[in-house]
Amino acid sequence: MKKLLLLFMATALVVSCDKDDDTNEPQTKNLTMGIEGLEDLGADYVYEGWIIVNGAPVSTGVFTVDSNGNPSKTSFSVDAETLDQATAYVLSIEPAVDNDPAPATTKLLSGAFAAETATVSITDLVGDFTGASGEFFLRTPTDEDDGMNNGNDQYGIWFGIPGAPQATGLELPVLPEGWVYEGWVVGEDGPITTGTFMDPTVQAEDSGNPFSGANPGPPIPGEDFFNNAPTGFTFPLDVRGKTVVISVEPSPDNSPAPFLLKPLVGVSGQETAPTTHNLSLNSDSFPTGWVKR
């Protein structure tokens, strides 16, 4: 009888110790994600989620997206107490090989938690494009001598309003660090860049005119397509009837192709300057979704 009592007490002690050990183990919860509209970033970049706890970012893990837009993961195990304290969620674009534990400046989506769910969008971190619009005209000022029109204006596109001087024609928000605007002409041969620019509210040139003629262009973003044709393109390039896009690109850029954010889209007509053509808001290109804890 005494042996049975001692065995019972020993067993109870072991069970008690096990329970104490269990309470010291980290407790985790799943953060689930339902975000649509993301794209494959290529081999050099990944998406990384972050929760904001006491004003500081805490990583929830990285994932990739395939060519069909499907994420490699939609559920992430996070310390339960930390997740319960989170006030917001942020999605960033990070180098695949990343030695920096902090988020990159290329923050794409964010949203505040309301109870268990955060609805995410680009509005707070990239920009509010509600009132975005634009105009452009067709002309080739970089191969004109003394401002004399030589009748080949179908080979150039400039984002603005023609005049003396030309005026900026883009209504877009100023982008935060980590993002730049880029213009594109898209035809049967694919997209070709017109250059990148930072602040659409300032009348200034874009990053360069590698395809243009020898003369300076106007102080607005744009390009003439005469020289140094990329593989697959034939110059001079007639831009009439082509799709025209203003994209928002991560900086550094993950790809030579347009990024998924394309806030302005239009079609160039047959008329050259002084006729202008319109760019309209393309909010369907913006990723949206939610995360739940």
C-alpha atoms as a PDB file:
ATOM      1  CA  MET A   1       0.000   0.000   0.000  1.00  0.00           C
ATOM      2  CA  LYS A   2       2.812   2.378   0.912  1.00  0.00           C
ATOM      3  CA  LYS A   3       4.549   1.583  -2.401  1.00  0.00           C
ATOM      4  CA  LEU A   4       1.356   2.393  -4.346  1.00  0.00           C
ATOM      5  CA  LEU A   5       1.011   5.722  -2.508  1.00  0.00           C
ATOM      6  CA  LEU A   6       4.595   6.686  -3.272  1.00  0.00           C
ATOM      7  CA  LEU A   7       4.126   5.754  -6.942  1.00  0.00           C
ATOM      8  CA  PHE A   8       0.976   7.882  -7.138  1.00  0.00           C
ATOM      9  CA  MET A   9       2.733  10.877  -5.588  1.00  0.00           C
ATOM     10  CA  ALA A  10       5.686  10.551  -7.979  1.00  0.00           C
ATOM     11  CA  THR A  11       3.365  10.346 -10.963  1.00  0.00           C
ATOM     12  CA  ALA A  12       1.457  13.443  -9.811  1.00  0.00           C
ATOM     13  CA  LEU A  13       4.736  15.339  -9.415  1.00  0.00           C
ATOM     14  CA  VAL A  14       5.795  14.466 -12.966  1.00  0.00           C
ATOM     15  CA  VAL A  15       2.415  15.572 -14.349  1.00  0.00           C
ATOM     16  CA  SER A  16       2.667  18.816 -12.366  1.00  0.00           C
ATOM     17  CA  CYS A  17       6.144  19.505 -13.740  1.00  0.00           C
ATOM     18  CA  ASP A  18       4.948  18.797 -17.262  1.00  0.00           C
ATOM     19  CA  LYS A  19       2.131  21.316 -16.876  1.00  0.00           C
ATOM     20  CA  ASP A  20       4.543  23.945 -15.607  1.00  0.00           C
ATOM     21  CA  ASP A  21       6.847  23.259 -18.553  1.00  0.00           C
ATOM     22  CA  ASP A  22       3.912  23.607 -20.958  1.00  0.00           C
ATOM     23  CA  THR A  23       3.043  27.041 -19.623  1.00  0.00           C
ATOM     24  CA  ASN A  24       6.602  28.223 -20.355  1.00  0.00           C
ATOM     25  CA  GLU A  25       6.488  27.135 -23.978  1.00  0.00           C
ATOM     26  CA  PRO A  26       5.901  29.918 -26.539  1.00  0.00           C
ATOM     27  CA  GLN A  27       2.255  30.128 -27.579  1.00  0.00           C
ATOM     28  CA  THR A  28       1.630  30.926 -31.240  1.00  0.00           C
ATOM     29  CA  LYS A  29      -1.316  31.953 -33.373  1.00  0.00           C
ATOM     30  CA  ASN A  30      -1.814  31.924 -37.122  1.00  0.00           C
ATOM     31  CA  LEU A  31      -1.957  35.160 -39.081  1.00  0.00           C
ATOM     32  CA  THR A  32      -3.884  34.405 -42.273  1.00  0.00           C
ATOM     33  CA  MET A  33      -3.691  36.501 -45.429  1.00  0.00           C
ATOM     34  CA  GLY A  34      -6.090  37.090 -48.296  1.00  0.00           C
ATOM     35  CA  ILE A  35      -4.463  39.567 -50.692  1.00  0.00           C
ATOM     36  CA  GLU A  36      -5.233  39.730 -54.424  1.00  0.00           C
ATOM     37  CA  GLY A  37      -3.349  41.504 -57.195  1.00  0.00           C
ATOM     38  CA  LEU A  38       0.237  40.704 -56.248  1.00  0.00           C
ATOM     39  CA  GLU A  39       2.710  39.566 -58.906  1.00  0.00           C
ATOM     40  CA  ASP A  40       5.860  37.496 -59.274  1.00  0.00           C
ATOM     41  CA  LEU A  41       8.848  39.603 -58.147  1.00  0.00           C
ATOM     42  CA  GLY A  42      11.450  37.386 -59.802  1.00  0.00           C
ATOM     43  CA  ALA A  43      14.338  35.555 -58.189  1.00  0.00           C
ATOM     44  CA  ASP A  44      15.910  38.533 -56.424  1.00  0.00           C
ATOM     45  CA  TYR A  45      12.988  39.841 -54.341  1.00  0.00           C
ATOM     46  CA  VAL A  46      10.318  38.551 -51.956  1.00  0.00           C
ATOM     47  CA  TYR A  47       7.314  39.914 -50.083  1.00  0.00           C
ATOM     48  CA  GLU A  48       7.584  40.240 -46.310  1.00  0.00           C
ATOM     49  CA  GLY A  49       4.791  40.857 -43.826  1.00  0.00           C
ATOM     50  CA  TRP A  50       5.169  42.947 -40.669  1.00  0.00           C
ATOM     51  CA  ILE A  51       2.971  43.664 -37.678  1.00  0.00           C
ATOM     52  CA  ILE A  52       3.374  46.949 -35.819  1.00  0.00           C
ATOM     53  CA  VAL A  53       3.691  46.413 -32.057  1.00  0.00           C
ATOM     54  CA  ASN A  54       4.271  49.410 -29.774  1.00  0.00           C
ATOM     55  CA  GLY A  55       5.289  51.392 -32.845  1.00  0.00           C
ATOM     56  CA  ALA A  56       7.953  48.883 -33.959  1.00  0.00           C
ATOM     57  CA  PRO A  57       7.824  46.389 -36.874  1.00  0.00           C
ATOM     58  CA  VAL A  58       7.907  42.642 -36.173  1.00  0.00           C
ATOM     59  CA  SER A  59       8.336  40.298 -39.143  1.00  0.00           C
ATOM     60  CA  THR A  60       5.622  37.707 -39.773  1.00  0.00           C
ATOM     61  CA  GLY A  61       7.638  35.962 -42.504  1.00  0.00           C
ATOM     62  CA  VAL A  62       8.368  36.098 -46.215  1.00  0.00           C
ATOM     63  CA  PHE A  63       6.586  34.629 -49.230  1.00  0.00           C
ATOM     64  CA  THR A  64       6.709  34.661 -53.013  1.00  0.00           C
ATOM     65  CA  VAL A  65       4.038  34.851 -55.706  1.00  0.00           C
ATOM     66  CA  ASP A  66       3.996  32.702 -58.838  1.00  0.00           C
ATOM     67  CA  SER A  67       3.258  33.747 -62.414  1.00  0.00           C
ATOM     68  CA  ASN A  68      -0.468  33.201 -61.827  1.00  0.00           C
ATOM     69  CA  GLY A  69      -0.549  35.509 -58.808  1.00  0.00           C
ATOM     70  CA  ASN A  70      -0.757  32.711 -56.232  1.00  0.00           C
ATOM     71  CA  PRO A  71       1.214  33.305 -52.986  1.00  0.00           C
ATOM     72  CA  SER A  72       3.505  30.560 -51.706  1.00  0.00           C
ATOM     73  CA  LYS A  73       2.033  30.975 -48.197  1.00  0.00           C
ATOM     74  CA  THR A  74      -1.194  32.413 -46.804  1.00  0.00           C
ATOM     75  CA  SER A  75      -0.767  31.463 -43.127  1.00  0.00           C
ATOM     76  CA  PHE A  76       2.036  32.535 -40.807  1.00  0.00           C
ATOM     77  CA  SER A  77       2.760  31.355 -37.243  1.00  0.00           C
ATOM     78  CA  VAL A  78       3.320  34.343 -34.922  1.00  0.00           C
ATOM     79  CA  ASP A  79       3.864  34.653 -31.180  1.00  0.00           C
ATOM     80  CA  ALA A  80       0.338  34.940 -29.786  1.00  0.00           C
ATOM     81  CA  GLU A  81       0.966  37.726 -27.289  1.00  0.00           C
ATOM     82  CA  THR A  82       2.856  39.781 -29.862  1.00  0.00           C
ATOM     83  CA  LEU A  83       0.131  39.297 -32.458  1.00  0.00           C
ATOM     84  CA  ASP A  84      -2.597  40.286 -29.995  1.00  0.00           C
ATOM     85  CA  GLN A  85      -0.750  43.558 -29.309  1.00  0.00           C
ATOM     86  CA  ALA A  86      -0.361  44.472 -32.994  1.00  0.00           C
ATOM     87  CA  THR A  87      -2.080  47.641 -34.151  1.00  0.00           C
ATOM     88  CA  ALA A  88      -1.382  47.399 -37.904  1.00  0.00           C
ATOM     89  CA  TYR A  89      -0.045  45.223 -40.729  1.00  0.00           C
ATOM     90  CA  VAL A  90       2.464  46.226 -43.409  1.00  0.00           C
ATOM     91  CA  LEU A  91       3.609  44.380 -46.551  1.00  0.00           C
ATOM     92  CA  SER A  92       6.996  45.296 -48.011  1.00  0.00           C
ATOM     93  CA  ILE A  93       9.225  44.187 -50.895  1.00  0.00           C
ATOM     94  CA  GLU A  94      12.589  42.896 -49.704  1.00  0.00           C
ATOM     95  CA  PRO A  95      15.761  41.516 -51.295  1.00  0.00           C
ATOM     96  CA  ALA A  96      15.713  37.716 -51.373  1.00  0.00           C
ATOM     97  CA  VAL A  97      19.106  37.796 -49.648  1.00  0.00           C
ATOM     98  CA  ASP A  98      18.555  40.386 -46.934  1.00  0.00           C
ATOM     99  CA  ASN A  99      21.014  41.278 -44.180  1.00  0.00           C
ATOM    100  CA  ASP A 100      18.901  44.149 -42.865  1.00  0.00           C
ATOM    101  CA  PRO A 101      16.375  43.104 -40.185  1.00  0.00           C
ATOM    102  CA  ALA A 102      14.324  46.278 -40.692  1.00  0.00           C
ATOM    103  CA  PRO A 103      11.671  46.751 -43.408  1.00  0.00           C
ATOM    104  CA  ALA A 104      12.835  48.167 -46.745  1.00  0.00           C
ATOM    105  CA  THR A 105      11.555  51.541 -47.935  1.00  0.00           C
ATOM    106  CA  THR A 106       9.472  49.745 -50.579  1.00  0.00           C
ATOM    107  CA  LYS A 107       6.398  49.337 -48.397  1.00  0.00           C
ATOM    108  CA  LEU A 108       3.441  48.375 -50.559  1.00  0.00           C
ATOM    109  CA  LEU A 109       0.337  47.712 -48.424  1.00  0.00           C
ATOM    110  CA  SER A 110      -0.843  48.587 -44.938  1.00  0.00           C
ATOM    111  CA  GLY A 111      -3.906  48.574 -42.760  1.00  0.00           C
ATOM    112  CA  ALA A 112      -4.874  49.047 -39.111  1.00  0.00           C
ATOM    113  CA  PHE A 113      -6.364  46.174 -37.144  1.00  0.00           C
ATOM    114  CA  ALA A 114     -10.043  46.563 -36.310  1.00  0.00           C
ATOM    115  CA  ALA A 115     -10.629  43.768 -33.823  1.00  0.00           C
ATOM    116  CA  GLU A 116      -9.173  40.687 -35.569  1.00  0.00           C
ATOM    117  CA  THR A 117      -8.929  41.970 -39.153  1.00  0.00           C
ATOM    118  CA  ALA A 118      -6.829  44.545 -40.993  1.00  0.00           C
ATOM    119  CA  THR A 119      -8.002  45.670 -44.436  1.00  0.00           C
ATOM    120  CA  VAL A 120      -4.915  46.610 -46.467  1.00  0.00           C
ATOM    121  CA  SER A 121      -4.375  49.003 -49.368  1.00  0.00           C
ATOM    122  CA  ILE A 122      -1.658  51.145 -50.990  1.00  0.00           C
ATOM    123  CA  THR A 123      -3.226  54.431 -49.864  1.00  0.00           C
ATOM    124  CA  ASP A 124      -1.190  55.185 -46.746  1.00  0.00           C
ATOM    125  CA  LEU A 125       2.231  53.915 -47.847  1.00  0.00           C
ATOM    126  CA  VAL A 126       2.395  54.563 -51.615  1.00  0.00           C
ATOM    127  CA  GLY A 127      -0.196  57.253 -52.253  1.00  0.00           C
ATOM    128  CA  ASP A 128      -3.835  58.254 -52.594  1.00  0.00           C
ATOM    129  CA  PHE A 129      -4.646  58.131 -56.303  1.00  0.00           C
ATOM    130  CA  THR A 130      -8.326  58.981 -56.012  1.00  0.00           C
ATOM    131  CA  GLY A 131      -7.967  62.159 -58.099  1.00  0.00           C
ATOM    132  CA  ALA A 132      -5.241  60.928 -60.461  1.00  0.00           C
ATOM    133  CA  SER A 133      -5.406  62.018 -64.108  1.00  0.00           C
ATOM    134  CA  GLY A 134      -3.078  63.073 -66.879  1.00  0.00           C
ATOM    135  CA  GLU A 135      -2.522  64.440 -70.374  1.00  0.00           C
ATOM    136  CA  PHE A 136       0.135  63.834 -73.020  1.00  0.00           C
ATOM    137  CA  PHE A 137       0.887  64.949 -76.561  1.00  0.00           C
ATOM    138  CA  LEU A 138       2.768  63.571 -79.558  1.00  0.00           C
ATOM    139  CA  ARG A 139       5.736  65.554 -80.869  1.00  0.00           C
ATOM    140  CA  THR A 140       9.476  65.068 -81.540  1.00  0.00           C
ATOM    141  CA  PRO A 141      11.250  68.157 -80.174  1.00  0.00           C
ATOM    142  CA  THR A 142      14.640  66.447 -79.821  1.00  0.00           C
ATOM    143  CA  ASP A 143      15.269  66.284 -83.563  1.00  0.00           C
ATOM    144  CA  GLU A 144      13.942  69.769 -84.364  1.00  0.00           C
ATOM    145  CA  ASP A 145      16.334  72.606 -85.166  1.00  0.00           C
ATOM    146  CA  ASP A 146      15.370  76.062 -83.885  1.00  0.00           C
ATOM    147  CA  GLY A 147      11.987  74.726 -82.788  1.00  0.00           C
ATOM    148  CA  MET A 148      10.839  74.138 -86.353  1.00  0.00           C
ATOM    149  CA  ASN A 149       8.444  71.218 -86.651  1.00  0.00           C
ATOM    150  CA  ASN A 150       9.721  68.687 -89.188  1.00  0.00           C
ATOM    151  CA  GLY A 151       6.474  66.738 -89.559  1.00  0.00           C
ATOM    152  CA  ASN A 152       7.375  63.465 -87.822  1.00  0.00           C
ATOM    153  CA  ASP A 153       5.636  64.031 -84.485  1.00  0.00           C
ATOM    154  CA  GLN A 154       4.204  60.502 -84.424  1.00  0.00           C
ATOM    155  CA  TYR A 155       7.573  59.263 -83.093  1.00  0.00           C
ATOM    156  CA  GLY A 156       7.539  61.082 -79.751  1.00  0.00           C
ATOM    157  CA  ILE A 157       5.416  61.298 -76.598  1.00  0.00           C
ATOM    158  CA  TRP A 158       5.567  63.876 -73.792  1.00  0.00           C
ATOM    159  CA  PHE A 159       3.546  63.976 -70.592  1.00  0.00           C
ATOM    160  CA  GLY A 160       2.236  67.496 -70.406  1.00  0.00           C
ATOM    161  CA  ILE A 161       0.377  70.233 -72.233  1.00  0.00           C
ATOM    162  CA  PRO A 162       2.030  71.761 -75.338  1.00  0.00           C
ATOM    163  CA  GLY A 163       2.788  75.449 -75.309  1.00  0.00           C
ATOM    164  CA  ALA A 164       5.559  77.925 -74.752  1.00  0.00           C
ATOM    165  CA  PRO A 165       6.666  76.652 -72.341  1.00  0.00           C
ATOM    166  CA  GLN A 166       5.079  73.231 -71.985  1.00  0.00           C
ATOM    167  CA  ALA A 167       3.209  72.607 -68.730  1.00  0.00           C
ATOM    168  CA  THR A 168       3.152  69.489 -66.617  1.00  0.00           C
ATOM    169  CA  GLY A 169       0.075  67.392 -67.377  1.00  0.00           C
ATOM    170  CA  LEU A 170       0.046  64.836 -64.565  1.00  0.00           C
ATOM    171  CA  GLU A 171      -2.166  64.960 -61.482  1.00  0.00           C
ATOM    172  CA  LEU A 172      -0.471  62.431 -59.214  1.00  0.00           C
ATOM    173  CA  PRO A 173       0.591  62.307 -55.562  1.00  0.00           C
ATOM    174  CA  VAL A 174       4.235  62.809 -54.610  1.00  0.00           C
ATOM    175  CA  LEU A 175       5.690  59.377 -53.875  1.00  0.00           C
ATOM    176  CA  PRO A 176       7.523  58.456 -50.668  1.00  0.00           C
ATOM    177  CA  GLU A 177      11.073  57.118 -50.589  1.00  0.00           C
ATOM    178  CA  GLY A 178      11.316  53.692 -52.196  1.00  0.00           C
ATOM    179  CA  TRP A 179       9.089  54.447 -55.196  1.00  0.00           C
ATOM    180  CA  VAL A 180       9.354  56.281 -58.544  1.00  0.00           C
ATOM    181  CA  TYR A 181       7.043  56.917 -61.476  1.00  0.00           C
ATOM    182  CA  GLU A 182       7.818  55.510 -64.922  1.00  0.00           C
ATOM    183  CA  GLY A 183       6.207  56.198 -68.291  1.00  0.00           C
ATOM    184  CA  TRP A 184       5.573  53.470 -70.884  1.00  0.00           C
ATOM    185  CA  VAL A 185       4.381  53.014 -74.440  1.00  0.00           C
ATOM    186  CA  VAL A 186       2.922  49.539 -74.976  1.00  0.00           C
ATOM    187  CA  GLY A 187       2.487  48.110 -78.453  1.00  0.00           C
ATOM    188  CA  GLU A 188       2.669  44.844 -80.311  1.00  0.00           C
ATOM    189  CA  ASP A 189       6.396  44.580 -79.482  1.00  0.00           C
ATOM    190  CA  GLY A 190       5.775  45.000 -75.742  1.00  0.00           C
ATOM    191  CA  PRO A 191       6.375  47.893 -73.315  1.00  0.00           C
ATOM    192  CA  ILE A 192       9.144  50.447 -73.835  1.00  0.00           C
ATOM    193  CA  THR A 193      10.064  52.986 -71.170  1.00  0.00           C
ATOM    194  CA  THR A 194       9.960  56.750 -71.528  1.00  0.00           C
ATOM    195  CA  GLY A 195      11.985  57.201 -68.297  1.00  0.00           C
ATOM    196  CA  THR A 196      11.432  57.564 -64.565  1.00  0.00           C
ATOM    197  CA  PHE A 197      10.606  60.669 -62.556  1.00  0.00           C
ATOM    198  CA  MET A 198      10.063  61.529 -58.906  1.00  0.00           C
ATOM    199  CA  ASP A 199       7.759  64.502 -58.399  1.00  0.00           C
ATOM    200  CA  PRO A 200       4.924  65.051 -60.928  1.00  0.00           C
ATOM    201  CA  THR A 201       4.056  68.410 -59.361  1.00  0.00           C
ATOM    202  CA  VAL A 202       7.377  69.907 -60.485  1.00  0.00           C
ATOM    203  CA  GLN A 203       8.011  70.769 -64.100  1.00  0.00           C
ATOM    204  CA  ALA A 204      11.203  68.811 -64.735  1.00  0.00           C
ATOM    205  CA  GLU A 205      12.758  66.236 -67.045  1.00  0.00           C
ATOM    206  CA  ASP A 206      12.711  62.520 -66.317  1.00  0.00           C
ATOM    207  CA  SER A 207      15.710  60.233 -65.771  1.00  0.00           C
ATOM    208  CA  GLY A 208      17.017  60.548 -69.318  1.00  0.00           C
ATOM    209  CA  ASN A 209      16.279  60.420 -73.031  1.00  0.00           C
ATOM    210  CA  PRO A 210      18.296  57.442 -74.341  1.00  0.00           C
ATOM    211  CA  PHE A 211      16.185  57.035 -77.472  1.00  0.00           C
ATOM    212  CA  SER A 212      15.764  60.712 -78.364  1.00  0.00           C
ATOM    213  CA  GLY A 213      17.514  62.998 -80.835  1.00  0.00           C
ATOM    214  CA  ALA A 214      20.457  65.284 -80.152  1.00  0.00           C
ATOM    215  CA  ASN A 215      18.524  68.367 -79.074  1.00  0.00           C
ATOM    216  CA  PRO A 216      17.225  68.909 -75.527  1.00  0.00           C
ATOM    217  CA  GLY A 217      13.643  67.939 -74.866  1.00  0.00           C
ATOM    218  CA  PRO A 218      11.108  70.026 -72.934  1.00  0.00           C
ATOM    219  CA  PRO A 219      11.340  70.092 -69.108  1.00  0.00           C
ATOM    220  CA  ILE A 220       8.675  67.411 -68.687  1.00  0.00           C
ATOM    221  CA  PRO A 221       8.799  63.591 -68.738  1.00  0.00           C
ATOM    222  CA  GLY A 222       8.775  62.049 -72.204  1.00  0.00           C
ATOM    223  CA  GLU A 223      10.743  60.479 -75.034  1.00  0.00           C
ATOM    224  CA  ASP A 224      11.344  60.546 -78.779  1.00  0.00           C
ATOM    225  CA  PHE A 225      12.022  57.131 -80.307  1.00  0.00           C
ATOM    226  CA  PHE A 226      14.817  57.512 -82.870  1.00  0.00           C
ATOM    227  CA  ASN A 227      18.041  55.949 -81.555  1.00  0.00           C
ATOM    228  CA  ASN A 228      19.341  52.866 -79.705  1.00  0.00           C
ATOM    229  CA  ALA A 229      16.307  50.659 -80.301  1.00  0.00           C
ATOM    230  CA  PRO A 230      16.120  47.806 -77.751  1.00  0.00           C
ATOM    231  CA  THR A 231      16.034  44.231 -79.023  1.00  0.00           C
ATOM    232  CA  GLY A 232      12.669  43.511 -80.598  1.00  0.00           C
ATOM    233  CA  PHE A 233      11.865  47.134 -81.470  1.00  0.00           C
ATOM    234  CA  THR A 234      12.208  48.999 -84.767  1.00  0.00           C
ATOM    235  CA  PHE A 235      12.879  52.752 -84.723  1.00  0.00           C
ATOM    236  CA  PRO A 236      11.582  55.280 -85.438  1.00  0.00           C
ATOM    237  CA  LEU A 237       8.665  54.031 -83.366  1.00  0.00           C
ATOM    238  CA  ASP A 238       5.213  55.260 -84.318  1.00  0.00           C
ATOM    239  CA  VAL A 239       3.379  55.738 -81.015  1.00  0.00           C
ATOM    240  CA  ARG A 240      -0.043  56.476 -82.514  1.00  0.00           C
ATOM    241  CA  GLY A 241      -2.746  54.066 -81.390  1.00  0.00           C
ATOM    242  CA  LYS A 242      -0.548  52.649 -78.629  1.00  0.00           C
ATOM    243  CA  THR A 243      -1.455  52.082 -74.977  1.00  0.00           C
ATOM    244  CA  VAL A 244       0.254  54.624 -72.709  1.00  0.00           C
ATOM    245  CA  VAL A 245       0.900  53.889 -69.037  1.00  0.00           C
ATOM    246  CA  ILE A 246       2.258  55.639 -65.973  1.00  0.00           C
ATOM    247  CA  SER A 247       3.411  53.031 -63.459  1.00  0.00           C
ATOM    248  CA  VAL A 248       4.733  53.211 -59.914  1.00  0.00           C
ATOM    249  CA  GLU A 249       8.004  51.277 -59.658  1.00  0.00           C
ATOM    250  CA  PRO A 250       9.891  50.025 -56.612  1.00  0.00           C
ATOM    251  CA  SER A 251      13.328  51.595 -56.197  1.00  0.00           C
ATOM    252  CA  PRO A 252      15.500  49.582 -56.521  1.00  0.00           C
ATOM    253  CA  ASP A 253      13.433  48.025 -59.302  1.00  0.00           C
ATOM    254  CA  ASN A 254      12.717  44.305 -59.394  1.00  0.00           C
ATOM    255  CA  SER A 255      12.230  44.077 -63.165  1.00  0.00           C
ATOM    256  CA  PRO A 256      12.723  45.950 -66.470  1.00  0.00           C
ATOM    257  CA  ALA A 257       8.991  45.452 -67.147  1.00  0.00           C
ATOM    258  CA  PRO A 258       6.216  47.642 -65.687  1.00  0.00           C
ATOM    259  CA  PHE A 259       5.373  46.941 -62.035  1.00  0.00           C
ATOM    260  CA  LEU A 260       1.864  45.933 -60.993  1.00  0.00           C
ATOM    261  CA  LEU A 261       0.907  49.487 -59.915  1.00  0.00           C
ATOM    262  CA  LYS A 262      -0.322  51.316 -63.025  1.00  0.00           C
ATOM    263  CA  PRO A 263      -2.353  54.286 -61.778  1.00  0.00           C
ATOM    264  CA  LEU A 264      -2.783  55.993 -65.175  1.00  0.00           C
ATOM    265  CA  VAL A 265      -3.614  54.390 -68.525  1.00  0.00           C
ATOM    266  CA  GLY A 266      -4.677  55.851 -71.870  1.00  0.00           C
ATOM    267  CA  VAL A 267      -4.462  55.394 -75.631  1.00  0.00           C
ATOM    268  CA  SER A 268      -2.659  57.741 -77.984  1.00  0.00           C
ATOM    269  CA  GLY A 269      -4.836  58.849 -80.875  1.00  0.00           C
ATOM    270  CA  GLN A 270      -3.803  59.728 -84.413  1.00  0.00           C
ATOM    271  CA  GLU A 271      -3.538  63.461 -83.772  1.00  0.00           C
ATOM    272  CA  THR A 272      -0.193  65.039 -82.904  1.00  0.00           C
ATOM    273  CA  ALA A 273       0.446  68.295 -81.002  1.00  0.00           C
ATOM    274  CA  PRO A 274      -1.240  70.623 -80.196  1.00  0.00           C
ATOM    275  CA  THR A 275      -3.866  67.909 -79.581  1.00  0.00           C
ATOM    276  CA  THR A 276      -3.590  66.269 -76.149  1.00  0.00           C
ATOM    277  CA  HIS A 277      -4.694  62.780 -75.125  1.00  0.00           C
ATOM    278  CA  ASN A 278      -6.027  61.744 -71.732  1.00  0.00           C
ATOM    279  CA  LEU A 279      -4.801  59.333 -69.076  1.00  0.00           C
ATOM    280  CA  SER A 280      -7.413  57.898 -66.720  1.00  0.00           C
ATOM    281  CA  LEU A 281      -7.299  56.298 -63.289  1.00  0.00           C
ATOM    282  CA  ASN A 282      -6.655  52.547 -63.380  1.00  0.00           C
ATOM    283  CA  SER A 283      -7.427  51.510 -59.800  1.00  0.00           C
ATOM    284  CA  ASP A 284      -7.961  47.885 -60.888  1.00  0.00           C
ATOM    285  CA  SER A 285      -4.166  47.525 -60.897  1.00  0.00           C
ATOM    286  CA  PHE A 286      -3.943  48.136 -57.138  1.00  0.00           C
ATOM    287  CA  PRO A 287      -3.650  45.055 -54.911  1.00  0.00           C
ATOM    288  CA  THR A 288      -6.168  44.816 -52.062  1.00  0.00           C
ATOM    289  CA  GLY A 289      -7.089  42.377 -49.332  1.00  0.00           C
ATOM    290  CA  TRP A 290      -6.988  41.570 -45.645  1.00  0.00           C
ATOM    291  CA  VAL A 291      -5.101  39.802 -42.889  1.00  0.00           C
ATOM    292  CA  LYS A 292      -6.729  38.116 -39.877  1.00  0.00           C
ATOM    293  CA  ARG A 293      -5.303  37.085 -36.510  1.00  0.00           C
END
